[in-house]
Amino acid sequence: MAFDKDAIIASLKEASISDLNDLVKAIEDEFDVSAAAPVAVAGAAGGDAAAKDSFTVELTEPGAAKVKVIKAVKDITGVGLKDAKDLVDNAPSAIKEDVKEDEANDIKEKLEAAGATVTLK
């Protein structure tokens, strides 16, 4: 079986965000690895040395008003309606990563106003 790196890269370029998210999860499960950046682990080892300055906004549960949450995710992320729906359907999912605390709190408020449960990490 030949390994065609160029074909894989071409496929990845055409994939949606939710497809790539599913791929990462499948690779993590299959090979028992984590896609977490080693820098984050090294930073966590420092303990109280520095305050956290970037956050990931995670949609934990879409809630009953799923359509409102999909619209909110679409507006926040700038992705298309299908990708926003996929993010909501695959909850828990990261809506935005590496955002400042103020922006993370604003996003959390918008999603909670739409009826979702949100976690900041």
Protein backbone atom coordinates (compact mmCIF):
# COMPACT_ATOMS: atom_id res chain seq x y z
CA MET A 1 0.00 0.00 0.00
CA ALA A 2 1.54 3.27 -1.12
CA PHE A 3 1.32 6.32 1.11
CA ASP A 4 0.22 9.31 -0.98
CA LYS A 5 0.94 12.37 1.15
CA ASP A 6 -0.19 14.83 -1.56
CA ALA A 7 -3.59 13.15 -1.92
CA ILE A 8 -4.13 13.29 1.84
CA ILE A 9 -3.21 16.99 1.97
CA ALA A 10 -5.57 17.72 -0.95
CA SER A 11 -8.40 15.91 0.88
CA LEU A 12 -7.73 17.87 4.07
CA LYS A 13 -7.88 21.17 2.17
CA GLU A 14 -11.39 20.32 0.94
CA ALA A 15 -12.73 19.09 4.30
CA SER A 16 -15.05 21.12 6.52
CA ILE A 17 -14.10 22.15 10.05
CA SER A 18 -16.41 19.57 11.57
CA ASP A 19 -14.96 16.83 9.34
CA LEU A 20 -11.45 17.77 10.48
CA ASN A 21 -12.62 17.80 14.10
CA ASP A 22 -14.05 14.28 13.65
CA LEU A 23 -10.80 13.17 12.03
CA VAL A 24 -8.72 14.43 14.96
CA LYS A 25 -11.01 12.65 17.45
CA ALA A 26 -10.81 9.41 15.44
CA ILE A 27 -7.00 9.58 15.28
CA GLU A 28 -6.81 10.27 19.01
CA ASP A 29 -9.05 7.25 19.72
CA GLU A 30 -7.35 4.92 17.24
CA PHE A 31 -3.78 5.64 18.32
CA ASP A 32 -4.44 6.57 21.96
CA VAL A 33 -2.80 9.99 21.59
CA SER A 34 -3.78 13.58 22.30
CA ALA A 35 -3.71 16.51 19.88
CA ALA A 36 -3.00 18.92 22.75
CA ALA A 37 -0.01 21.15 22.18
CA PRO A 38 3.05 20.24 24.26
CA VAL A 39 3.53 23.95 25.02
CA ALA A 40 0.25 23.98 26.93
CA VAL A 41 1.45 21.05 29.04
CA ALA A 42 4.73 22.78 29.79
CA GLY A 43 2.86 25.96 30.72
CA ALA A 44 0.57 24.04 33.05
CA ALA A 45 3.57 22.58 34.83
CA GLY A 46 4.51 26.11 35.92
CA GLY A 47 1.47 26.24 38.18
CA ASP A 48 0.67 29.70 39.54
CA ALA A 49 3.58 31.39 37.77
CA ALA A 50 1.35 33.08 35.18
CA ALA A 51 -2.35 33.85 34.83
CA LYS A 52 -4.23 32.24 31.98
CA ASP A 53 -4.47 34.70 29.08
CA SER A 54 -6.21 32.67 26.36
CA PHE A 55 -9.34 30.57 26.56
CA THR A 56 -11.23 28.00 24.54
CA VAL A 57 -14.99 28.43 24.41
CA GLU A 58 -16.59 24.98 24.44
CA LEU A 59 -20.24 24.34 23.66
CA THR A 60 -21.09 21.71 26.26
CA GLU A 61 -24.81 21.26 25.53
CA PRO A 62 -26.97 23.00 22.90
CA GLY A 63 -30.10 23.04 25.04
CA ALA A 64 -33.72 23.06 23.86
CA ALA A 65 -33.46 26.05 21.49
CA LYS A 66 -31.03 24.36 19.12
CA VAL A 67 -31.87 26.58 16.12
CA LYS A 68 -31.01 29.74 18.08
CA VAL A 69 -27.74 28.18 19.19
CA ILE A 70 -26.87 27.21 15.59
CA LYS A 71 -27.50 30.80 14.47
CA ALA A 72 -25.37 32.14 17.33
CA VAL A 73 -22.51 29.75 16.50
CA LYS A 74 -22.72 30.77 12.83
CA ASP A 75 -22.51 34.47 13.76
CA ILE A 76 -19.68 33.96 16.25
CA THR A 77 -17.47 31.72 14.12
CA GLY A 78 -18.27 33.01 10.65
CA VAL A 79 -18.69 29.47 9.30
CA GLY A 80 -21.54 28.35 7.07
CA LEU A 81 -24.86 27.11 8.35
CA LYS A 82 -23.99 23.42 7.82
CA ASP A 83 -20.69 23.71 9.69
CA ALA A 84 -22.38 25.62 12.52
CA LYS A 85 -25.04 22.89 12.74
CA ASP A 86 -22.33 20.20 12.79
CA LEU A 87 -20.53 21.98 15.65
CA VAL A 88 -23.78 22.15 17.65
CA ASP A 89 -24.77 18.55 16.82
CA ASN A 90 -21.33 17.25 17.88
CA ALA A 91 -21.34 18.98 21.28
CA PRO A 92 -19.20 19.13 23.30
CA SER A 93 -17.19 21.02 20.71
CA ALA A 94 -14.78 23.95 20.69
CA ILE A 95 -16.44 27.02 19.21
CA LYS A 96 -13.42 29.35 19.43
CA GLU A 97 -9.90 28.69 20.63
CA ASP A 98 -7.15 30.95 21.96
CA VAL A 99 -9.34 33.99 22.61
CA LYS A 100 -8.83 36.67 25.25
CA GLU A 101 -10.89 36.51 28.43
CA ASP A 102 -13.22 39.39 27.47
CA GLU A 103 -14.03 37.87 24.07
CA ALA A 104 -14.50 34.43 25.63
CA ASN A 105 -16.97 35.85 28.15
CA ASP A 106 -18.86 37.72 25.40
CA ILE A 107 -19.16 34.53 23.35
CA LYS A 108 -20.27 32.61 26.42
CA GLU A 109 -22.99 35.20 27.15
CA LYS A 110 -24.27 35.07 23.55
CA LEU A 111 -24.46 31.29 23.53
CA GLU A 112 -26.08 31.11 26.96
CA ALA A 113 -28.63 33.74 25.87
CA ALA A 114 -29.50 31.39 23.00
CA GLY A 115 -30.03 28.56 25.50
CA ALA A 116 -26.74 26.67 25.35
CA THR A 117 -24.49 25.44 28.15
CA VAL A 118 -20.94 26.74 27.69
CA THR A 119 -17.60 26.03 29.37
CA LEU A 120 -14.48 28.18 29.24
CA LYS A 121 -11.24 26.22 29.27
